[in-house]
């Protein structure tokens, strides 16, 4: 227990605890098959890009220089975040009933 407390203190004092937490959460999402984590990350990236008016996909796109690509990226990320969060939520609530003919 003491080792865990010391590890947590070290992570928090490091200053980049959000990134470390996100990486641990990503690893857990891969292990457990959680889609909502990716939805939350896409939502976070969408909000940050919208506020900064700059987005990085493969290269940096700014709202002023590349408005079409900027908004397409924002819309795609927002749609993906909703889909991934709702898909996981629907499956947790029993899934979508199948109709067989």
PDB file of N, CA and C in Angstrom:
ATOM      1  N   UNK A   1       0.822  -1.189   0.000  1.00  0.00           N
ATOM      2  CA  UNK A   1       0.000   0.000   0.000  1.00  0.00           C
ATOM      3  C   UNK A   1       0.867   1.254   0.000  1.00  0.00           C
ATOM      4  N   UNK A   2       1.953   1.217   0.735  1.00  0.00           N
ATOM      5  CA  UNK A   2       2.866   2.363   0.793  1.00  0.00           C
ATOM      6  C   UNK A   2       3.493   2.622  -0.573  1.00  0.00           C
ATOM      7  N   UNK A   3       3.806   1.560  -1.292  1.00  0.00           N
ATOM      8  CA  UNK A   3       4.404   1.699  -2.616  1.00  0.00           C
ATOM      9  C   UNK A   3       3.431   2.393  -3.565  1.00  0.00           C
ATOM     10  N   UNK A   4       2.152   2.021  -3.484  1.00  0.00           N
ATOM     11  CA  UNK A   4       1.137   2.647  -4.332  1.00  0.00           C
ATOM     12  C   UNK A   4       0.987   4.129  -4.009  1.00  0.00           C
ATOM     13  N   UNK A   5       0.989   4.478  -2.726  1.00  0.00           N
ATOM     14  CA  UNK A   5       0.896   5.883  -2.327  1.00  0.00           C
ATOM     15  C   UNK A   5       2.082   6.675  -2.850  1.00  0.00           C
ATOM     16  N   UNK A   6       3.267   6.086  -2.751  1.00  0.00           N
ATOM     17  CA  UNK A   6       4.471   6.773  -3.238  1.00  0.00           C
ATOM     18  C   UNK A   6       4.428   6.943  -4.752  1.00  0.00           C
ATOM     19  N   UNK A   7       3.937   5.930  -5.452  1.00  0.00           N
ATOM     20  CA  UNK A   7       3.802   6.022  -6.905  1.00  0.00           C
ATOM     21  C   UNK A   7       2.838   7.135  -7.287  1.00  0.00           C
ATOM     22  N   UNK A   8       1.703   7.221  -6.595  1.00  0.00           N
ATOM     23  CA  UNK A   8       0.735   8.282  -6.870  1.00  0.00           C
ATOM     24  C   UNK A   8       1.318   9.667  -6.588  1.00  0.00           C
ATOM     25  N   UNK A   9       2.053   9.814  -5.491  1.00  0.00           N
ATOM     26  CA  UNK A   9       2.703  11.092  -5.188  1.00  0.00           C
ATOM     27  C   UNK A   9       3.695  11.484  -6.284  1.00  0.00           C
ATOM     28  N   UNK A  10       4.453  10.525  -6.760  1.00  0.00           N
ATOM     29  CA  UNK A  10       5.433  10.787  -7.814  1.00  0.00           C
ATOM     30  C   UNK A  10       4.743  11.218  -9.102  1.00  0.00           C
ATOM     31  N   UNK A  11       3.674  10.522  -9.470  1.00  0.00           N
ATOM     32  CA  UNK A  11       2.949  10.857 -10.692  1.00  0.00           C
ATOM     33  C   UNK A  11       2.360  12.257 -10.602  1.00  0.00           C
ATOM     34  N   UNK A  12       1.722  12.572  -9.486  1.00  0.00           N
ATOM     35  CA  UNK A  12       1.091  13.886  -9.331  1.00  0.00           C
ATOM     36  C   UNK A  12       2.138  14.991  -9.296  1.00  0.00           C
ATOM     37  N   UNK A  13       3.256  14.753  -8.647  1.00  0.00           N
ATOM     38  CA  UNK A  13       4.295  15.781  -8.570  1.00  0.00           C
ATOM     39  C   UNK A  13       5.016  15.950  -9.900  1.00  0.00           C
ATOM     40  N   UNK A  14       4.929  14.977 -10.773  1.00  0.00           N
ATOM     41  CA  UNK A  14       5.596  15.040 -12.074  1.00  0.00           C
ATOM     42  C   UNK A  14       5.048  16.181 -12.922  1.00  0.00           C
ATOM     43  N   UNK A  15       3.778  16.536 -12.759  1.00  0.00           N
ATOM     44  CA  UNK A  15       3.206  17.662 -13.478  1.00  0.00           C
ATOM     45  C   UNK A  15       2.405  17.270 -14.705  1.00  0.00           C
ATOM     46  N   UNK A  16       2.616  16.116 -15.220  1.00  0.00           N
ATOM     47  CA  UNK A  16       1.881  15.648 -16.400  1.00  0.00           C
ATOM     48  C   UNK A  16       0.976  14.482 -16.024  1.00  0.00           C
ATOM     49  N   UNK A  17       0.335  14.571 -14.870  1.00  0.00           N
ATOM     50  CA  UNK A  17      -0.471  13.470 -14.362  1.00  0.00           C
ATOM     51  C   UNK A  17      -1.684  13.202 -15.256  1.00  0.00           C
ATOM     52  N   UNK A  18      -2.207  14.225 -15.937  1.00  0.00           N
ATOM     53  CA  UNK A  18      -3.354  13.994 -16.826  1.00  0.00           C
ATOM     54  C   UNK A  18      -2.968  13.087 -17.989  1.00  0.00           C
ATOM     55  N   UNK A  19      -1.793  13.324 -18.544  1.00  0.00           N
ATOM     56  CA  UNK A  19      -1.317  12.487 -19.648  1.00  0.00           C
ATOM     57  C   UNK A  19      -1.058  11.064 -19.178  1.00  0.00           C
ATOM     58  N   UNK A  20      -0.441  10.920 -18.034  1.00  0.00           N
ATOM     59  CA  UNK A  20      -0.179   9.588 -17.483  1.00  0.00           C
ATOM     60  C   UNK A  20      -1.491   8.866 -17.220  1.00  0.00           C
ATOM     61  N   UNK A  21      -2.469   9.574 -16.634  1.00  0.00           N
ATOM     62  CA  UNK A  21      -3.786   8.983 -16.381  1.00  0.00           C
ATOM     63  C   UNK A  21      -4.451   8.560 -17.682  1.00  0.00           C
ATOM     64  N   UNK A  22      -4.369   9.417 -18.719  1.00  0.00           N
ATOM     65  CA  UNK A  22      -4.973   9.087 -20.016  1.00  0.00           C
ATOM     66  C   UNK A  22      -4.323   7.853 -20.625  1.00  0.00           C
ATOM     67  N   UNK A  23      -3.006   7.736 -20.521  1.00  0.00           N
ATOM     68  CA  UNK A  23      -2.322   6.568 -21.080  1.00  0.00           C
ATOM     69  C   UNK A  23      -2.716   5.283 -20.347  1.00  0.00           C
ATOM     70  N   UNK A  24      -2.839   5.374 -19.027  1.00  0.00           N
ATOM     71  CA  UNK A  24      -3.295   4.211 -18.257  1.00  0.00           C
ATOM     72  C   UNK A  24      -4.725   3.854 -18.646  1.00  0.00           C
ATOM     73  N   UNK A  25      -5.573   4.867 -18.813  1.00  0.00           N
ATOM     74  CA  UNK A  25      -6.960   4.638 -19.207  1.00  0.00           C
ATOM     75  C   UNK A  25      -7.053   4.032 -20.609  1.00  0.00           C
ATOM     76  N   UNK A  26      -6.194   4.479 -21.515  1.00  0.00           N
ATOM     77  CA  UNK A  26      -6.165   3.910 -22.869  1.00  0.00           C
ATOM     78  C   UNK A  26      -5.756   2.441 -22.807  1.00  0.00           C
ATOM     79  N   UNK A  27      -4.747   2.130 -22.017  1.00  0.00           N
ATOM     80  CA  UNK A  27      -4.323   0.730 -21.874  1.00  0.00           C
ATOM     81  C   UNK A  27      -5.457  -0.114 -21.301  1.00  0.00           C
ATOM     82  N   UNK A  28      -6.154   0.415 -20.297  1.00  0.00           N
ATOM     83  CA  UNK A  28      -7.280  -0.321 -19.712  1.00  0.00           C
ATOM     84  C   UNK A  28      -8.398  -0.494 -20.733  1.00  0.00           C
ATOM     85  N   UNK A  29      -8.635   0.530 -21.555  1.00  0.00           N
ATOM     86  CA  UNK A  29      -9.710   0.427 -22.556  1.00  0.00           C
ATOM     87  C   UNK A  29      -9.393  -0.639 -23.595  1.00  0.00           C
ATOM     88  N   UNK A  30      -8.129  -0.775 -23.942  1.00  0.00           N
ATOM     89  CA  UNK A  30      -7.745  -1.829 -24.884  1.00  0.00           C
ATOM     90  C   UNK A  30      -7.918  -3.206 -24.259  1.00  0.00           C
ATOM     91  N   UNK A  31      -7.551  -3.333 -23.004  1.00  0.00           N
ATOM     92  CA  UNK A  31      -7.661  -4.619 -22.317  1.00  0.00           C
ATOM     93  C   UNK A  31      -9.124  -5.030 -22.106  1.00  0.00           C
ATOM     94  N   UNK A  32      -9.955  -4.072 -21.655  1.00  0.00           N
ATOM     95  CA  UNK A  32     -11.344  -4.381 -21.329  1.00  0.00           C
ATOM     96  C   UNK A  32     -12.322  -4.159 -22.481  1.00  0.00           C
ATOM     97  N   UNK A  33     -11.872  -3.585 -23.592  1.00  0.00           N
ATOM     98  CA  UNK A  33     -12.750  -3.349 -24.730  1.00  0.00           C
ATOM     99  C   UNK A  33     -13.704  -2.177 -24.530  1.00  0.00           C
ATOM    100  N   UNK A  34     -13.280  -1.190 -23.751  1.00  0.00           N
ATOM    101  CA  UNK A  34     -14.119  -0.014 -23.510  1.00  0.00           C
ATOM    102  C   UNK A  34     -14.018   0.940 -24.694  1.00  0.00           C
ATOM    103  N   UNK A  35     -15.148   1.241 -25.311  1.00  0.00           N
ATOM    104  CA  UNK A  35     -15.169   2.218 -26.401  1.00  0.00           C
ATOM    105  C   UNK A  35     -15.386   3.628 -25.871  1.00  0.00           C
ATOM    106  N   UNK A  36     -16.016   3.758 -24.724  1.00  0.00           N
ATOM    107  CA  UNK A  36     -16.347   5.078 -24.198  1.00  0.00           C
ATOM    108  C   UNK A  36     -15.099   5.914 -23.922  1.00  0.00           C
ATOM    109  N   UNK A  37     -13.973   5.260 -23.633  1.00  0.00           N
ATOM    110  CA  UNK A  37     -12.737   6.001 -23.377  1.00  0.00           C
ATOM    111  C   UNK A  37     -12.323   6.763 -24.630  1.00  0.00           C
ATOM    112  N   UNK A  38     -12.404   6.094 -25.776  1.00  0.00           N
ATOM    113  CA  UNK A  38     -12.056   6.759 -27.034  1.00  0.00           C
ATOM    114  C   UNK A  38     -13.059   7.864 -27.342  1.00  0.00           C
ATOM    115  N   UNK A  39     -14.325   7.633 -27.026  1.00  0.00           N
ATOM    116  CA  UNK A  39     -15.328   8.683 -27.204  1.00  0.00           C
ATOM    117  C   UNK A  39     -15.028   9.895 -26.349  1.00  0.00           C
ATOM    118  N   UNK A  40     -14.619   9.655 -25.105  1.00  0.00           N
ATOM    119  CA  UNK A  40     -14.275  10.761 -24.204  1.00  0.00           C
ATOM    120  C   UNK A  40     -13.040  11.506 -24.718  1.00  0.00           C
ATOM    121  N   UNK A  41     -12.056  10.772 -25.227  1.00  0.00           N
ATOM    122  CA  UNK A  41     -10.861  11.430 -25.775  1.00  0.00           C
ATOM    123  C   UNK A  41     -11.198  12.262 -27.004  1.00  0.00           C
ATOM    124  N   UNK A  42     -12.010  11.712 -27.902  1.00  0.00           N
ATOM    125  CA  UNK A  42     -12.423  12.493 -29.074  1.00  0.00           C
ATOM    126  C   UNK A  42     -13.196  13.737 -28.657  1.00  0.00           C
ATOM    127  N   UNK A  43     -14.037  13.615 -27.642  1.00  0.00           N
ATOM    128  CA  UNK A  43     -14.774  14.774 -27.145  1.00  0.00           C
ATOM    129  C   UNK A  43     -13.820  15.811 -26.562  1.00  0.00           C
ATOM    130  N   UNK A  44     -12.847  15.376 -25.793  1.00  0.00           N
ATOM    131  CA  UNK A  44     -11.851  16.276 -25.241  1.00  0.00           C
ATOM    132  C   UNK A  44     -11.077  16.983 -26.355  1.00  0.00           C
ATOM    133  N   UNK A  45     -10.638  16.224 -27.344  1.00  0.00           N
ATOM    134  CA  UNK A  45      -9.897  16.815 -28.462  1.00  0.00           C
ATOM    135  C   UNK A  45     -10.765  17.797 -29.247  1.00  0.00           C
ATOM    136  N   UNK A  46     -12.044  17.478 -29.392  1.00  0.00           N
ATOM    137  CA  UNK A  46     -12.959  18.377 -30.103  1.00  0.00           C
ATOM    138  C   UNK A  46     -13.087  19.707 -29.381  1.00  0.00           C
ATOM    139  N   UNK A  47     -13.319  19.651 -28.080  1.00  0.00           N
ATOM    140  CA  UNK A  47     -13.487  20.874 -27.300  1.00  0.00           C
ATOM    141  C   UNK A  47     -12.207  21.706 -27.318  1.00  0.00           C
ATOM    142  N   UNK A  48     -11.086  21.058 -27.136  1.00  0.00           N
ATOM    143  CA  UNK A  48      -9.807  21.793 -27.139  1.00  0.00           C
ATOM    144  C   UNK A  48      -9.531  22.426 -28.504  1.00  0.00           C
ATOM    145  N   UNK A  49      -9.811  21.703 -29.581  1.00  0.00           N
ATOM    146  CA  UNK A  49      -9.585  22.241 -30.921  1.00  0.00           C
ATOM    147  C   UNK A  49     -10.531  23.407 -31.211  1.00  0.00           C
ATOM    148  N   UNK A  50     -11.763  23.272 -30.783  1.00  0.00           N
ATOM    149  CA  UNK A  50     -12.744  24.322 -31.007  1.00  0.00           C
ATOM    150  C   UNK A  50     -12.338  25.599 -30.264  1.00  0.00           C
ATOM    151  N   UNK A  51     -11.865  25.440 -29.036  1.00  0.00           N
ATOM    152  CA  UNK A  51     -11.466  26.598 -28.243  1.00  0.00           C
ATOM    153  C   UNK A  51     -10.181  27.247 -28.767  1.00  0.00           C
ATOM    154  N   UNK A  52      -9.239  26.434 -29.213  1.00  0.00           N
ATOM    155  CA  UNK A  52      -7.965  26.981 -29.686  1.00  0.00           C
ATOM    156  C   UNK A  52      -7.999  27.367 -31.160  1.00  0.00           C
ATOM    157  N   UNK A  53      -9.043  26.962 -31.872  1.00  0.00           N
ATOM    158  CA  UNK A  53      -9.208  27.195 -33.313  1.00  0.00           C
ATOM    159  C   UNK A  53      -8.051  26.601 -34.113  1.00  0.00           C
ATOM    160  N   UNK A  54      -7.524  25.503 -33.590  1.00  0.00           N
ATOM    161  CA  UNK A  54      -6.428  24.806 -34.243  1.00  0.00           C
ATOM    162  C   UNK A  54      -6.574  23.321 -33.944  1.00  0.00           C
ATOM    163  N   UNK A  55      -6.330  22.496 -34.952  1.00  0.00           N
ATOM    164  CA  UNK A  55      -6.462  21.062 -34.778  1.00  0.00           C
ATOM    165  C   UNK A  55      -5.258  20.381 -35.421  1.00  0.00           C
ATOM    166  N   UNK A  56      -4.822  19.288 -34.808  1.00  0.00           N
ATOM    167  CA  UNK A  56      -3.702  18.536 -35.361  1.00  0.00           C
ATOM    168  C   UNK A  56      -4.179  17.128 -35.677  1.00  0.00           C
ATOM    169  N   UNK A  57      -4.124  16.761 -36.940  1.00  0.00           N
ATOM    170  CA  UNK A  57      -4.454  15.399 -37.353  1.00  0.00           C
ATOM    171  C   UNK A  57      -3.151  14.752 -37.815  1.00  0.00           C
ATOM    172  N   UNK A  58      -2.702  15.105 -38.991  1.00  0.00           N
ATOM    173  CA  UNK A  58      -1.392  14.689 -39.473  1.00  0.00           C
ATOM    174  C   UNK A  58      -0.503  15.927 -39.585  1.00  0.00           C
ATOM    175  N   UNK A  59      -1.159  17.048 -39.712  1.00  0.00           N
ATOM    176  CA  UNK A  59      -0.498  18.343 -39.718  1.00  0.00           C
ATOM    177  C   UNK A  59      -1.426  19.336 -39.035  1.00  0.00           C
ATOM    178  N   UNK A  60      -0.913  20.471 -38.671  1.00  0.00           N
ATOM    179  CA  UNK A  60      -1.715  21.465 -37.971  1.00  0.00           C
ATOM    180  C   UNK A  60      -2.630  22.187 -38.957  1.00  0.00           C
ATOM    181  N   UNK A  61      -3.910  22.248 -38.585  1.00  0.00           N
ATOM    182  CA  UNK A  61      -4.902  22.977 -39.364  1.00  0.00           C
ATOM    183  C   UNK A  61      -5.488  24.062 -38.476  1.00  0.00           C
ATOM    184  N   UNK A  62      -5.547  25.274 -38.994  1.00  0.00           N
ATOM    185  CA  UNK A  62      -6.162  26.352 -38.233  1.00  0.00           C
ATOM    186  C   UNK A  62      -7.475  26.736 -38.885  1.00  0.00           C
ATOM    187  N   UNK A  63      -8.354  27.248 -38.058  1.00  0.00           N
ATOM    188  CA  UNK A  63      -9.672  27.644 -38.545  1.00  0.00           C
ATOM    189  C   UNK A  63      -9.560  28.773 -39.569  1.00  0.00           C
ATOM    190  N   UNK A  64      -8.610  29.668 -39.370  1.00  0.00           N
ATOM    191  CA  UNK A  64      -8.442  30.792 -40.293  1.00  0.00           C
ATOM    192  C   UNK A  64      -7.857  30.392 -41.635  1.00  0.00           C
ATOM    193  N   UNK A  65      -6.885  29.486 -41.631  1.00  0.00           N
ATOM    194  CA  UNK A  65      -6.204  29.097 -42.876  1.00  0.00           C
ATOM    195  C   UNK A  65      -6.907  27.966 -43.619  1.00  0.00           C
ATOM    196  N   UNK A  66      -7.504  27.032 -42.911  1.00  0.00           N
ATOM    197  CA  UNK A  66      -8.148  25.862 -43.511  1.00  0.00           C
ATOM    198  C   UNK A  66      -9.525  25.633 -42.887  1.00  0.00           C
ATOM    199  N   UNK A  67     -10.476  26.542 -43.104  1.00  0.00           N
ATOM    200  CA  UNK A  67     -11.758  26.426 -42.408  1.00  0.00           C
ATOM    201  C   UNK A  67     -12.535  25.155 -42.763  1.00  0.00           C
ATOM    202  N   UNK A  68     -12.490  24.739 -44.015  1.00  0.00           N
ATOM    203  CA  UNK A  68     -13.246  23.552 -44.410  1.00  0.00           C
ATOM    204  C   UNK A  68     -12.711  22.304 -43.704  1.00  0.00           C
ATOM    205  N   UNK A  69     -11.400  22.087 -43.783  1.00  0.00           N
ATOM    206  CA  UNK A  69     -10.805  20.910 -43.132  1.00  0.00           C
ATOM    207  C   UNK A  69     -10.938  20.979 -41.615  1.00  0.00           C
ATOM    208  N   UNK A  70     -10.816  22.185 -41.058  1.00  0.00           N
ATOM    209  CA  UNK A  70     -10.975  22.356 -39.619  1.00  0.00           C
ATOM    210  C   UNK A  70     -12.360  21.899 -39.185  1.00  0.00           C
ATOM    211  N   UNK A  71     -13.406  22.395 -39.855  1.00  0.00           N
ATOM    212  CA  UNK A  71     -14.779  22.051 -39.450  1.00  0.00           C
ATOM    213  C   UNK A  71     -15.126  20.599 -39.748  1.00  0.00           C
ATOM    214  N   UNK A  72     -14.620  20.055 -40.825  1.00  0.00           N
ATOM    215  CA  UNK A  72     -14.840  18.629 -41.114  1.00  0.00           C
ATOM    216  C   UNK A  72     -14.230  17.778 -39.996  1.00  0.00           C
ATOM    217  N   UNK A  73     -13.041  18.140 -39.552  1.00  0.00           N
ATOM    218  CA  UNK A  73     -12.384  17.403 -38.466  1.00  0.00           C
ATOM    219  C   UNK A  73     -13.181  17.526 -37.180  1.00  0.00           C
ATOM    220  N   UNK A  74     -13.626  18.733 -36.846  1.00  0.00           N
ATOM    221  CA  UNK A  74     -14.426  18.954 -35.640  1.00  0.00           C
ATOM    222  C   UNK A  74     -15.714  18.130 -35.689  1.00  0.00           C
ATOM    223  N   UNK A  75     -16.401  18.167 -36.817  1.00  0.00           N
ATOM    224  CA  UNK A  75     -17.654  17.416 -36.962  1.00  0.00           C
ATOM    225  C   UNK A  75     -17.395  15.917 -36.864  1.00  0.00           C
ATOM    226  N   UNK A  76     -16.330  15.439 -37.521  1.00  0.00           N
ATOM    227  CA  UNK A  76     -15.998  14.012 -37.472  1.00  0.00           C
ATOM    228  C   UNK A  76     -15.678  13.575 -36.050  1.00  0.00           C
ATOM    229  N   UNK A  77     -14.856  14.350 -35.338  1.00  0.00           N
ATOM    230  CA  UNK A  77     -14.502  13.993 -33.973  1.00  0.00           C
ATOM    231  C   UNK A  77     -15.711  14.016 -33.051  1.00  0.00           C
ATOM    232  N   UNK A  78     -16.578  15.008 -33.206  1.00  0.00           N
ATOM    233  CA  UNK A  78     -17.772  15.085 -32.367  1.00  0.00           C
ATOM    234  C   UNK A  78     -18.692  13.898 -32.643  1.00  0.00           C
ATOM    235  N   UNK A  79     -18.857  13.551 -33.913  1.00  0.00           N
ATOM    236  CA  UNK A  79     -19.698  12.410 -34.281  1.00  0.00           C
ATOM    237  C   UNK A  79     -19.115  11.106 -33.737  1.00  0.00           C
ATOM    238  N   UNK A  80     -17.807  10.932 -33.881  1.00  0.00           N
ATOM    239  CA  UNK A  80     -17.158   9.731 -33.346  1.00  0.00           C
ATOM    240  C   UNK A  80     -17.306   9.639 -31.830  1.00  0.00           C
ATOM    241  N   UNK A  81     -17.166  10.755 -31.151  1.00  0.00           N
ATOM    242  CA  UNK A  81     -17.280  10.718 -29.693  1.00  0.00           C
ATOM    243  C   UNK A  81     -18.683  10.301 -29.275  1.00  0.00           C
ATOM    244  N   UNK A  82     -19.697  10.866 -29.910  1.00  0.00           N
ATOM    245  CA  UNK A  82     -21.076  10.470 -29.581  1.00  0.00           C
ATOM    246  C   UNK A  82     -21.320   9.000 -29.889  1.00  0.00           C
ATOM    247  N   UNK A  83     -20.869   8.561 -31.059  1.00  0.00           N
ATOM    248  CA  UNK A  83     -21.069   7.173 -31.457  1.00  0.00           C
ATOM    249  C   UNK A  83     -20.410   6.211 -30.478  1.00  0.00           C
ATOM    250  N   UNK A  84     -19.155   6.466 -30.135  1.00  0.00           N
ATOM    251  CA  UNK A  84     -18.420   5.540 -29.269  1.00  0.00           C
ATOM    252  C   UNK A  84     -18.988   5.503 -27.860  1.00  0.00           C
ATOM    253  N   UNK A  85     -19.382   6.661 -27.334  1.00  0.00           N
ATOM    254  CA  UNK A  85     -19.964   6.691 -25.994  1.00  0.00           C
ATOM    255  C   UNK A  85     -21.326   6.014 -25.992  1.00  0.00           C
ATOM    256  N   UNK A  86     -22.166   6.340 -26.978  1.00  0.00           N
ATOM    257  CA  UNK A  86     -23.506   5.751 -27.026  1.00  0.00           C
ATOM    258  C   UNK A  86     -23.464   4.254 -27.340  1.00  0.00           C
ATOM    259  N   UNK A  87     -22.548   3.835 -28.200  1.00  0.00           N
ATOM    260  CA  UNK A  87     -22.443   2.408 -28.535  1.00  0.00           C
ATOM    261  C   UNK A  87     -22.123   1.593 -27.291  1.00  0.00           C
ATOM    262  N   UNK A  88     -21.192   2.074 -26.488  1.00  0.00           N
ATOM    263  CA  UNK A  88     -20.844   1.373 -25.255  1.00  0.00           C
ATOM    264  C   UNK A  88     -22.009   1.397 -24.268  1.00  0.00           C
ATOM    265  N   UNK A  89     -22.671   2.532 -24.155  1.00  0.00           N
ATOM    266  CA  UNK A  89     -23.796   2.657 -23.234  1.00  0.00           C
ATOM    267  C   UNK A  89     -24.945   1.733 -23.636  1.00  0.00           C
ATOM    268  N   UNK A  90     -25.259   1.689 -24.912  1.00  0.00           N
ATOM    269  CA  UNK A  90     -26.348   0.825 -25.388  1.00  0.00           C
ATOM    270  C   UNK A  90     -26.028  -0.643 -25.131  1.00  0.00           C
ATOM    271  N   UNK A  91     -24.783  -1.040 -25.357  1.00  0.00           N
ATOM    272  CA  UNK A  91     -24.408  -2.432 -25.101  1.00  0.00           C
ATOM    273  C   UNK A  91     -24.485  -2.762 -23.617  1.00  0.00           C
ATOM    274  N   UNK A  92     -24.137  -1.801 -22.746  1.00  0.00           N
ATOM    275  CA  UNK A  92     -24.218  -2.038 -21.309  1.00  0.00           C
ATOM    276  C   UNK A  92     -25.665  -2.165 -20.856  1.00  0.00           C
ATOM    277  N   UNK A  93     -26.572  -1.505 -21.553  1.00  0.00           N
ATOM    278  CA  UNK A  93     -27.983  -1.549 -21.190  1.00  0.00           C
ATOM    279  C   UNK A  93     -28.736  -2.709 -21.834  1.00  0.00           C
ATOM    280  N   UNK A  94     -28.023  -3.609 -22.455  1.00  0.00           N
ATOM    281  CA  UNK A  94     -28.670  -4.795 -23.005  1.00  0.00           C
ATOM    282  C   UNK A  94     -28.609  -4.909 -24.506  1.00  0.00           C
ATOM    283  N   UNK A  95     -28.016  -3.950 -25.167  1.00  0.00           N
ATOM    284  CA  UNK A  95     -27.849  -4.013 -26.605  1.00  0.00           C
ATOM    285  C   UNK A  95     -29.101  -3.661 -27.367  1.00  0.00           C
ATOM    286  N   UNK A  96     -28.985  -3.735 -28.652  1.00  0.00           N
ATOM    287  CA  UNK A  96     -30.091  -3.438 -29.565  1.00  0.00           C
ATOM    288  C   UNK A  96     -30.759  -4.758 -29.913  1.00  0.00           C
ATOM    289  N   UNK A  97     -32.086  -4.855 -29.711  1.00  0.00           N
ATOM    290  CA  UNK A  97     -32.760  -6.117 -30.043  1.00  0.00           C
ATOM    291  C   UNK A  97     -32.725  -6.373 -31.544  1.00  0.00           C
ATOM    292  N   UNK A  98     -32.507  -7.627 -31.901  1.00  0.00           N
ATOM    293  CA  UNK A  98     -32.475  -8.035 -33.302  1.00  0.00           C
ATOM    294  C   UNK A  98     -33.835  -8.566 -33.697  1.00  0.00           C
ATOM    295  N   UNK A  99     -34.269  -8.219 -34.902  1.00  0.00           N
ATOM    296  CA  UNK A  99     -35.549  -8.702 -35.415  1.00  0.00           C
ATOM    297  C   UNK A  99     -35.236  -9.727 -36.507  1.00  0.00           C
ATOM    298  N   UNK A 100     -35.704 -10.936 -36.291  1.00  0.00           N
ATOM    299  CA  UNK A 100     -35.476 -11.992 -37.284  1.00  0.00           C
ATOM    300  C   UNK A 100     -36.760 -12.233 -38.035  1.00  0.00           C
ATOM    301  N   UNK A 101     -36.635 -12.421 -39.341  1.00  0.00           N
ATOM    302  CA  UNK A 101     -37.842 -12.650 -40.140  1.00  0.00           C
ATOM    303  C   UNK A 101     -38.171 -14.112 -40.299  1.00  0.00           C
TER     304      UNK A 101
END
